[in-house]
Amino acid sequence: MTPELTALALAGLLQVVQYVLMAVPANLELGPGKTMSPRDPHRLGKPLDQQVSLRTGRLYRALDNHFEGLILFTLAVVVVTLSGGSTWFTTACAWTYLAARILYVPAYAFGWVPWRSFIWIAGFAATTLMLLAALL
């Protein structure tokens, strides 16, 4: 397994951890009547992520953000791996992405402004650089 694939597998596990970090407090705050419902907008009044506490809402948004970032990172890892383009640079980019995603969770949950944005930029830049490295 390439180092980039290892980082991708760990990023997937991070997503599982993020889901638990969001889902447990959301279920405690809202109760199973809401969280296990079909979540029809006319019955709920507003989306569930808007009915939870500030921190749980932030964890929800951090999870959504990881879903979005993981798509592009997965693409970068697949391109690097299938092209046989794994290098020390792409490895460093993959681990930078993972480190940024790990740091992003507390940064978002605790409202670290402007650091959350800088952490996000580091992960996005690492992914972009992986794609560029695979093309060059």
Protein backbone atom coordinates (compact mmCIF):
# COMPACT_ATOMS: atom_id res chain seq x y z
CA MET A 1 0.00 0.00 0.00
CA THR A 2 1.35 3.42 -0.90
CA PRO A 3 1.70 6.04 1.83
CA GLU A 4 -0.99 8.05 0.07
CA LEU A 5 -3.41 5.13 0.30
CA THR A 6 -2.58 4.74 3.99
CA ALA A 7 -3.37 8.43 4.54
CA LEU A 8 -6.63 7.95 2.62
CA ALA A 9 -7.63 4.97 4.78
CA LEU A 10 -6.89 6.99 7.91
CA ALA A 11 -8.87 9.93 6.52
CA GLY A 12 -11.79 7.53 6.09
CA LEU A 13 -11.47 6.43 9.71
CA LEU A 14 -11.29 10.08 10.75
CA GLN A 15 -14.62 10.58 9.03
CA VAL A 16 -16.07 7.75 11.11
CA VAL A 17 -14.74 9.40 14.28
CA GLN A 18 -16.18 12.75 13.20
CA TYR A 19 -19.55 11.15 12.61
CA VAL A 20 -19.58 9.73 16.14
CA LEU A 21 -18.41 13.06 17.62
CA MET A 22 -21.39 14.75 15.95
CA ALA A 23 -24.04 12.02 16.20
CA VAL A 24 -23.75 11.23 19.91
CA PRO A 25 -24.38 14.78 21.17
CA ALA A 26 -26.99 15.38 18.44
CA ASN A 27 -28.95 12.32 19.58
CA LEU A 28 -28.66 13.35 23.22
CA GLU A 29 -29.78 16.90 22.45
CA LEU A 30 -32.64 16.09 20.05
CA GLY A 31 -33.78 12.67 21.18
CA PRO A 32 -34.52 9.62 19.05
CA GLY A 33 -37.94 10.91 18.03
CA LYS A 34 -36.27 13.47 15.80
CA THR A 35 -33.04 11.72 14.86
CA MET A 36 -34.76 8.48 13.84
CA SER A 37 -37.60 10.25 12.02
CA PRO A 38 -37.80 10.63 8.22
CA ARG A 39 -36.79 14.27 8.85
CA ASP A 40 -39.52 15.76 6.72
CA PRO A 41 -39.02 19.56 6.71
CA HIS A 42 -42.68 20.34 7.39
CA ARG A 43 -42.57 18.20 10.56
CA LEU A 44 -39.25 19.43 11.92
CA GLY A 45 -39.62 23.15 11.32
CA LYS A 46 -35.95 23.53 10.46
CA PRO A 47 -33.01 21.21 9.67
CA LEU A 48 -31.64 19.14 12.54
CA ASP A 49 -28.22 20.79 12.37
CA GLN A 50 -29.96 24.08 13.20
CA GLN A 51 -31.71 22.61 16.24
CA VAL A 52 -28.61 21.43 18.09
CA SER A 53 -26.19 23.34 20.30
CA LEU A 54 -23.58 25.64 18.80
CA ARG A 55 -20.73 23.11 19.17
CA THR A 56 -22.75 20.17 17.85
CA GLY A 57 -23.79 22.29 14.87
CA ARG A 58 -20.15 23.09 14.21
CA LEU A 59 -19.25 19.39 14.40
CA TYR A 60 -22.03 18.71 11.89
CA ARG A 61 -20.62 21.31 9.50
CA ALA A 62 -17.06 20.04 10.00
CA LEU A 63 -18.25 16.55 9.05
CA ASP A 64 -19.97 17.89 5.93
CA ASN A 65 -16.80 19.77 5.05
CA HIS A 66 -14.75 16.57 5.38
CA PHE A 67 -17.13 14.76 3.03
CA GLU A 68 -16.48 17.51 0.47
CA GLY A 69 -12.70 17.56 0.97
CA LEU A 70 -12.41 13.78 0.98
CA ILE A 71 -13.82 13.57 -2.54
CA LEU A 72 -11.00 15.67 -3.99
CA PHE A 73 -8.36 14.01 -1.79
CA THR A 74 -9.54 10.55 -2.87
CA LEU A 75 -9.27 11.65 -6.49
CA ALA A 76 -5.72 12.87 -5.88
CA VAL A 77 -4.71 9.63 -4.17
CA VAL A 78 -6.21 7.50 -6.95
CA VAL A 79 -4.47 9.52 -9.67
CA VAL A 80 -1.12 9.37 -7.88
CA THR A 81 -1.45 5.67 -7.10
CA LEU A 82 -2.71 4.47 -10.49
CA SER A 83 -0.13 6.55 -12.35
CA GLY A 84 2.67 5.15 -10.21
CA GLY A 85 3.52 8.72 -9.30
CA SER A 86 4.04 8.30 -5.56
CA THR A 87 7.02 10.38 -4.45
CA TRP A 88 8.28 11.87 -1.22
CA PHE A 89 6.40 15.04 -2.25
CA THR A 90 3.02 13.38 -2.81
CA THR A 91 3.51 11.45 0.42
CA ALA A 92 4.18 14.69 2.30
CA CYS A 93 1.09 16.24 0.71
CA ALA A 94 -1.08 13.28 1.74
CA TRP A 95 0.09 13.42 5.35
CA THR A 96 -0.33 17.21 5.36
CA TYR A 97 -3.93 16.76 4.21
CA LEU A 98 -4.59 14.23 6.97
CA ALA A 99 -2.97 16.40 9.65
CA ALA A 100 -4.99 19.40 8.46
CA ARG A 101 -8.24 17.42 8.59
CA ILE A 102 -7.47 16.20 12.11
CA LEU A 103 -6.72 19.76 13.28
CA TYR A 104 -9.79 21.08 11.46
CA VAL A 105 -12.19 19.25 13.79
CA PRO A 106 -11.24 21.05 17.03
CA ALA A 107 -10.60 24.26 15.08
CA TYR A 108 -14.18 24.25 13.85
CA ALA A 109 -15.72 22.90 17.06
CA PHE A 110 -14.08 25.55 19.24
CA GLY A 111 -14.31 28.42 16.75
CA TRP A 112 -10.60 29.05 16.21
CA VAL A 113 -10.77 32.13 14.01
CA PRO A 114 -8.93 32.62 11.67
CA TRP A 115 -6.95 29.40 12.23
CA ARG A 116 -9.76 27.14 11.03
CA SER A 117 -9.56 28.77 7.60
CA PHE A 118 -5.77 28.49 7.48
CA ILE A 119 -5.98 24.81 8.41
CA TRP A 120 -8.56 24.24 5.68
CA ILE A 121 -6.33 26.02 3.15
CA ALA A 122 -3.39 23.78 4.11
CA GLY A 123 -5.42 20.64 3.39
CA PHE A 124 -6.84 22.02 0.16
CA ALA A 125 -3.41 23.16 -1.03
CA ALA A 126 -1.87 19.77 -0.22
CA THR A 127 -4.54 18.03 -2.28
CA THR A 128 -4.12 20.45 -5.17
CA LEU A 129 -0.35 20.00 -5.12
CA MET A 130 -0.78 16.21 -5.21
CA LEU A 131 -2.86 16.52 -8.38
CA LEU A 132 -0.36 18.88 -9.98
CA ALA A 133 2.54 16.59 -9.05
CA ALA A 134 0.78 13.65 -10.70
CA LEU A 135 0.43 15.63 -13.92
CA LEU A 136 4.03 16.77 -13.98
